Every structure is written in structure tokens, then in C-alpha cells.
Amino acid sequence: MTLRESQIKDFEKKLTSKKDELEKQIKDSKKGLDFGDDTDHFEEEEDETEEMANYLAMKKVLDEKIEHIDRALARIKNGTYGICQNCGKEIDIKVLDAEPESNLCRDCKSQ
């Protein structure tokens, strides 16, 4: 079953909304990272370093999700959205509902 234009528009809206949420999450997380220019006690410096490491790890994961979304949006623009990039078959609508940025069909995902 080929995706209808209205379904593709709905997925595009979902993807754009999801991307906006992830970007906001990154921005909001960064707000609390103002450590100042002063030299702190060792324990405080250690806490700040750990906080920065946690932020960077979280940001990396969210950036990767945003990258997957950007690729899905590009597939929408070039007309290949909903087509498995591994085998070329259509991706089931249930897979896309669960993960709109998916680029693999159920069979290829399970391999």
C-alpha cells in the first residue's frame, strides 16, 4: 500500500514537531551549565565537569536523533519516504507510526 500524500504530510508534521522538541530539550539543558569564570573548590569543579560530561552525552544522543529526523525529512522532499533503504520495499505504516524517521522495513530491522 503506497502512502497517500496526506499521510506523508502528517508524518512530515510529526517529524518537524519531534525535531523542534529535541532542539528545545538541548537548549533548555544547556541553560543550567553556566559555571562562571572563577576557580572553585576541587569538589565543585568535579561536579561541574561531571555535569558537562552528562550534558555532552545527552546532546550527542539527541543530535543523532535529530540527524535521523533530518534524513527522513530529506526523503520526504525527494520522494523516497516510506521506502526501505536496504531492500527497496515499502515500509509498513505501523512501523512509520511507531518511528516516523525509520528508513528500514520490519524485515530489514529484524535482521
N, C-alpha and C. Protein backbone atom coordinates (compact mmCIF):
# COMPACT_ATOMS: atom_id res chain seq x y z
N MET A 1 0.84 -1.18 0.00
CA MET A 1 0.00 0.00 0.00
C MET A 1 0.88 1.24 0.00
N THR A 2 0.79 2.04 -1.00
CA THR A 2 1.58 3.24 -1.11
C THR A 2 1.02 4.33 -0.20
N LEU A 3 1.92 5.07 0.44
CA LEU A 3 1.49 6.17 1.31
C LEU A 3 0.79 7.24 0.49
N ARG A 4 -0.30 7.73 1.03
CA ARG A 4 -1.02 8.84 0.39
C ARG A 4 -0.31 10.15 0.75
N GLU A 5 -0.54 11.15 -0.07
CA GLU A 5 0.06 12.47 0.14
C GLU A 5 -0.30 13.02 1.52
N SER A 6 -1.55 12.82 1.94
CA SER A 6 -1.99 13.32 3.25
C SER A 6 -1.24 12.62 4.39
N GLN A 7 -0.97 11.32 4.22
CA GLN A 7 -0.21 10.59 5.24
C GLN A 7 1.22 11.11 5.32
N ILE A 8 1.80 11.37 4.17
CA ILE A 8 3.18 11.88 4.13
C ILE A 8 3.23 13.25 4.81
N LYS A 9 2.24 14.11 4.56
CA LYS A 9 2.17 15.43 5.20
C LYS A 9 2.06 15.28 6.71
N ASP A 10 1.25 14.31 7.16
CA ASP A 10 1.12 14.06 8.60
C ASP A 10 2.45 13.63 9.20
N PHE A 11 3.16 12.75 8.51
CA PHE A 11 4.46 12.31 9.02
C PHE A 11 5.46 13.48 9.02
N GLU A 12 5.37 14.32 8.02
CA GLU A 12 6.26 15.48 7.97
C GLU A 12 6.01 16.40 9.17
N LYS A 13 4.75 16.60 9.51
CA LYS A 13 4.40 17.42 10.68
C LYS A 13 4.92 16.77 11.96
N LYS A 14 4.73 15.46 12.10
CA LYS A 14 5.22 14.74 13.28
C LYS A 14 6.74 14.86 13.41
N LEU A 15 7.42 14.68 12.30
CA LEU A 15 8.88 14.74 12.31
C LEU A 15 9.37 16.14 12.66
N THR A 16 8.76 17.15 12.08
CA THR A 16 9.16 18.53 12.36
C THR A 16 8.90 18.87 13.82
N SER A 17 7.76 18.45 14.32
CA SER A 17 7.42 18.69 15.73
C SER A 17 8.41 17.98 16.67
N LYS A 18 8.72 16.74 16.34
CA LYS A 18 9.66 15.96 17.16
C LYS A 18 11.04 16.62 17.15
N LYS A 19 11.46 17.11 15.99
CA LYS A 19 12.75 17.79 15.88
C LYS A 19 12.76 19.05 16.73
N ASP A 20 11.69 19.83 16.65
CA ASP A 20 11.59 21.05 17.45
C ASP A 20 11.68 20.74 18.95
N GLU A 21 11.01 19.68 19.38
CA GLU A 21 11.04 19.28 20.80
C GLU A 21 12.46 18.91 21.23
N LEU A 22 13.16 18.15 20.39
CA LEU A 22 14.52 17.73 20.72
C LEU A 22 15.48 18.92 20.78
N GLU A 23 15.32 19.84 19.83
CA GLU A 23 16.17 21.04 19.85
C GLU A 23 15.89 21.89 21.08
N LYS A 24 14.64 21.99 21.49
CA LYS A 24 14.28 22.73 22.70
C LYS A 24 14.88 22.04 23.93
N GLN A 25 14.83 20.73 23.95
CA GLN A 25 15.38 19.98 25.07
C GLN A 25 16.89 20.24 25.20
N ILE A 26 17.59 20.28 24.08
CA ILE A 26 19.03 20.58 24.10
C ILE A 26 19.26 21.99 24.63
N LYS A 27 18.49 22.93 24.11
CA LYS A 27 18.64 24.34 24.51
C LYS A 27 18.35 24.51 26.00
N ASP A 28 17.27 23.91 26.47
CA ASP A 28 16.89 24.03 27.88
C ASP A 28 17.93 23.38 28.80
N SER A 29 18.50 22.27 28.37
CA SER A 29 19.51 21.59 29.17
C SER A 29 20.79 22.41 29.29
N LYS A 30 21.08 23.17 28.26
CA LYS A 30 22.31 23.97 28.26
C LYS A 30 22.21 25.18 29.18
N LYS A 31 21.00 25.64 29.44
CA LYS A 31 20.80 26.84 30.26
C LYS A 31 21.42 26.71 31.65
N GLY A 32 21.38 25.55 32.23
CA GLY A 32 21.88 25.35 33.59
C GLY A 32 23.37 25.10 33.67
N LEU A 33 24.10 25.30 32.59
CA LEU A 33 25.52 24.95 32.56
C LEU A 33 26.45 26.15 32.69
N ASP A 34 25.99 27.26 33.22
CA ASP A 34 26.84 28.44 33.39
C ASP A 34 27.68 28.26 34.64
N PHE A 35 28.95 27.94 34.45
CA PHE A 35 29.82 27.65 35.58
C PHE A 35 30.61 28.87 36.05
N GLY A 36 30.59 29.93 35.30
CA GLY A 36 31.33 31.12 35.68
C GLY A 36 32.81 30.97 35.36
N ASP A 37 33.53 32.04 35.66
CA ASP A 37 34.96 32.08 35.34
C ASP A 37 35.85 31.86 36.56
N ASP A 38 35.27 31.78 37.72
CA ASP A 38 36.08 31.67 38.93
C ASP A 38 36.58 30.25 39.13
N THR A 39 37.61 30.13 39.92
CA THR A 39 38.13 28.82 40.28
C THR A 39 37.42 28.39 41.56
N ASP A 40 36.85 27.21 41.51
CA ASP A 40 36.08 26.70 42.65
C ASP A 40 36.90 25.67 43.42
N HIS A 41 36.31 25.22 44.50
CA HIS A 41 36.91 24.13 45.25
C HIS A 41 36.94 22.90 44.36
N PHE A 42 37.83 22.00 44.66
CA PHE A 42 38.00 20.80 43.85
C PHE A 42 36.70 20.04 43.66
N GLU A 43 35.92 19.88 44.75
CA GLU A 43 34.68 19.13 44.66
C GLU A 43 33.68 19.80 43.72
N GLU A 44 33.64 21.13 43.77
CA GLU A 44 32.71 21.85 42.90
C GLU A 44 33.15 21.76 41.44
N GLU A 45 34.44 21.85 41.20
CA GLU A 45 34.97 21.70 39.84
C GLU A 45 34.65 20.30 39.31
N GLU A 46 34.78 19.32 40.18
CA GLU A 46 34.49 17.94 39.80
C GLU A 46 33.01 17.78 39.44
N ASP A 47 32.13 18.38 40.22
CA ASP A 47 30.69 18.33 39.94
C ASP A 47 30.37 19.00 38.61
N GLU A 48 31.00 20.15 38.36
CA GLU A 48 30.76 20.87 37.12
C GLU A 48 31.24 20.07 35.91
N THR A 49 32.36 19.41 36.07
CA THR A 49 32.90 18.57 34.99
C THR A 49 31.96 17.41 34.70
N GLU A 50 31.46 16.80 35.75
CA GLU A 50 30.52 15.68 35.57
C GLU A 50 29.22 16.16 34.91
N GLU A 51 28.75 17.32 35.33
CA GLU A 51 27.53 17.88 34.75
C GLU A 51 27.72 18.17 33.26
N MET A 52 28.88 18.70 32.90
CA MET A 52 29.17 18.98 31.50
C MET A 52 29.26 17.68 30.70
N ALA A 53 29.90 16.67 31.27
CA ALA A 53 30.01 15.37 30.58
C ALA A 53 28.64 14.76 30.35
N ASN A 54 27.77 14.86 31.35
CA ASN A 54 26.40 14.34 31.21
C ASN A 54 25.65 15.10 30.12
N TYR A 55 25.80 16.42 30.10
CA TYR A 55 25.15 17.23 29.08
C TYR A 55 25.64 16.84 27.69
N LEU A 56 26.94 16.70 27.52
CA LEU A 56 27.50 16.36 26.21
C LEU A 56 27.04 14.98 25.74
N ALA A 57 26.95 14.03 26.66
CA ALA A 57 26.47 12.69 26.30
C ALA A 57 25.01 12.75 25.86
N MET A 58 24.19 13.49 26.62
CA MET A 58 22.78 13.62 26.28
C MET A 58 22.64 14.35 24.94
N LYS A 59 23.41 15.40 24.74
CA LYS A 59 23.35 16.18 23.50
C LYS A 59 23.72 15.31 22.30
N LYS A 60 24.72 14.45 22.46
CA LYS A 60 25.13 13.58 21.36
C LYS A 60 23.98 12.66 20.93
N VAL A 61 23.30 12.08 21.90
CA VAL A 61 22.17 11.19 21.61
C VAL A 61 21.05 11.97 20.90
N LEU A 62 20.73 13.15 21.41
CA LEU A 62 19.67 13.95 20.81
C LEU A 62 20.06 14.45 19.43
N ASP A 63 21.33 14.82 19.25
CA ASP A 63 21.80 15.24 17.92
C ASP A 63 21.68 14.11 16.91
N GLU A 64 21.95 12.87 17.34
CA GLU A 64 21.80 11.73 16.44
C GLU A 64 20.34 11.52 16.06
N LYS A 65 19.43 11.71 17.02
CA LYS A 65 18.00 11.59 16.71
C LYS A 65 17.58 12.67 15.72
N ILE A 66 18.08 13.88 15.93
CA ILE A 66 17.77 14.98 15.01
C ILE A 66 18.30 14.68 13.62
N GLU A 67 19.48 14.09 13.55
CA GLU A 67 20.06 13.72 12.26
C GLU A 67 19.17 12.71 11.53
N HIS A 68 18.64 11.72 12.26
CA HIS A 68 17.74 10.73 11.65
C HIS A 68 16.46 11.41 11.15
N ILE A 69 15.96 12.35 11.92
CA ILE A 69 14.76 13.09 11.51
C ILE A 69 15.06 13.91 10.26
N ASP A 70 16.21 14.58 10.23
CA ASP A 70 16.58 15.37 9.05
C ASP A 70 16.67 14.49 7.81
N ARG A 71 17.19 13.29 7.96
CA ARG A 71 17.27 12.37 6.82
C ARG A 71 15.88 11.97 6.35
N ALA A 72 14.97 11.73 7.31
CA ALA A 72 13.60 11.37 6.94
C ALA A 72 12.92 12.54 6.23
N LEU A 73 13.13 13.75 6.71
CA LEU A 73 12.55 14.92 6.05
C LEU A 73 13.12 15.08 4.63
N ALA A 74 14.39 14.77 4.46
CA ALA A 74 15.00 14.82 3.13
C ALA A 74 14.38 13.77 2.21
N ARG A 75 14.09 12.58 2.76
CA ARG A 75 13.44 11.53 1.95
C ARG A 75 12.03 11.97 1.54
N ILE A 76 11.35 12.70 2.40
CA ILE A 76 10.03 13.22 2.03
C ILE A 76 10.19 14.17 0.85
N LYS A 77 11.16 15.04 0.93
CA LYS A 77 11.37 16.04 -0.13
C LYS A 77 11.75 15.39 -1.47
N ASN A 78 12.55 14.31 -1.40
CA ASN A 78 12.98 13.70 -2.67
C ASN A 78 12.08 12.54 -3.12
N GLY A 79 11.00 12.30 -2.38
CA GLY A 79 10.02 11.31 -2.82
C GLY A 79 10.33 9.87 -2.49
N THR A 80 11.28 9.63 -1.59
CA THR A 80 11.63 8.25 -1.24
C THR A 80 11.20 7.87 0.18
N TYR A 81 10.42 8.72 0.82
CA TYR A 81 9.97 8.43 2.19
C TYR A 81 9.05 7.21 2.17
N GLY A 82 9.26 6.33 3.15
CA GLY A 82 8.42 5.14 3.26
C GLY A 82 8.94 3.96 2.46
N ILE A 83 10.12 4.12 1.86
CA ILE A 83 10.77 3.05 1.10
C ILE A 83 12.00 2.60 1.88
N CYS A 84 12.10 1.30 2.10
CA CYS A 84 13.23 0.74 2.83
C CYS A 84 14.54 1.02 2.08
N GLN A 85 15.50 1.57 2.76
CA GLN A 85 16.77 1.89 2.12
C GLN A 85 17.67 0.67 1.97
N ASN A 86 17.25 -0.43 2.54
CA ASN A 86 18.03 -1.67 2.42
C ASN A 86 17.52 -2.54 1.27
N CYS A 87 16.21 -2.82 1.27
CA CYS A 87 15.68 -3.76 0.28
C CYS A 87 14.79 -3.10 -0.78
N GLY A 88 14.39 -1.84 -0.57
CA GLY A 88 13.57 -1.13 -1.54
C GLY A 88 12.08 -1.38 -1.43
N LYS A 89 11.66 -2.19 -0.46
CA LYS A 89 10.23 -2.44 -0.26
C LYS A 89 9.62 -1.28 0.53
N GLU A 90 8.29 -1.20 0.47
CA GLU A 90 7.59 -0.18 1.24
C GLU A 90 7.67 -0.51 2.73
N ILE A 91 7.83 0.53 3.53
CA ILE A 91 7.84 0.37 4.99
C ILE A 91 6.39 0.39 5.46
N ASP A 92 6.02 -0.59 6.25
CA ASP A 92 4.65 -0.70 6.76
C ASP A 92 4.27 0.55 7.53
N ILE A 93 3.04 0.99 7.37
CA ILE A 93 2.54 2.19 8.04
C ILE A 93 2.65 2.08 9.55
N LYS A 94 2.51 0.85 10.09
CA LYS A 94 2.63 0.65 11.54
C LYS A 94 4.05 0.96 12.02
N VAL A 95 5.04 0.62 11.21
CA VAL A 95 6.43 0.93 11.55
C VAL A 95 6.63 2.44 11.55
N LEU A 96 6.10 3.11 10.53
CA LEU A 96 6.24 4.56 10.44
C LEU A 96 5.47 5.28 11.54
N ASP A 97 4.33 4.73 11.93
CA ASP A 97 3.57 5.33 13.04
C ASP A 97 4.39 5.27 14.33
N ALA A 98 5.05 4.15 14.55
CA ALA A 98 5.85 3.98 15.76
C ALA A 98 7.15 4.77 15.71
N GLU A 99 7.73 4.86 14.52
CA GLU A 99 9.03 5.53 14.35
C GLU A 99 9.05 6.21 12.98
N PRO A 100 8.50 7.45 12.92
CA PRO A 100 8.38 8.13 11.62
C PRO A 100 9.71 8.35 10.89
N GLU A 101 10.79 8.35 11.61
CA GLU A 101 12.10 8.56 10.97
C GLU A 101 12.72 7.27 10.45
N SER A 102 12.01 6.16 10.59
CA SER A 102 12.53 4.86 10.16
C SER A 102 12.87 4.85 8.68
N ASN A 103 14.00 4.22 8.37
CA ASN A 103 14.41 4.07 6.97
C ASN A 103 14.49 2.61 6.56
N LEU A 104 14.06 1.72 7.47
CA LEU A 104 14.08 0.27 7.20
C LEU A 104 12.72 -0.34 7.43
N CYS A 105 12.39 -1.33 6.62
CA CYS A 105 11.15 -2.08 6.83
C CYS A 105 11.31 -3.01 8.03
N ARG A 106 10.21 -3.60 8.43
CA ARG A 106 10.21 -4.50 9.61
C ARG A 106 11.19 -5.68 9.40
N ASP A 107 11.21 -6.27 8.21
CA ASP A 107 12.08 -7.41 7.96
C ASP A 107 13.55 -7.02 8.06
N CYS A 108 13.92 -5.90 7.46
CA CYS A 108 15.33 -5.47 7.49
C CYS A 108 15.75 -5.03 8.89
N LYS A 109 14.81 -4.47 9.66
CA LYS A 109 15.13 -4.08 11.04
C LYS A 109 15.42 -5.31 11.90
N SER A 110 14.72 -6.41 11.63
CA SER A 110 14.87 -7.61 12.45
C SER A 110 16.13 -8.40 12.12
N GLN A 111 16.76 -8.09 11.01
CA GLN A 111 17.97 -8.83 10.61
C GLN A 111 19.19 -8.35 11.32
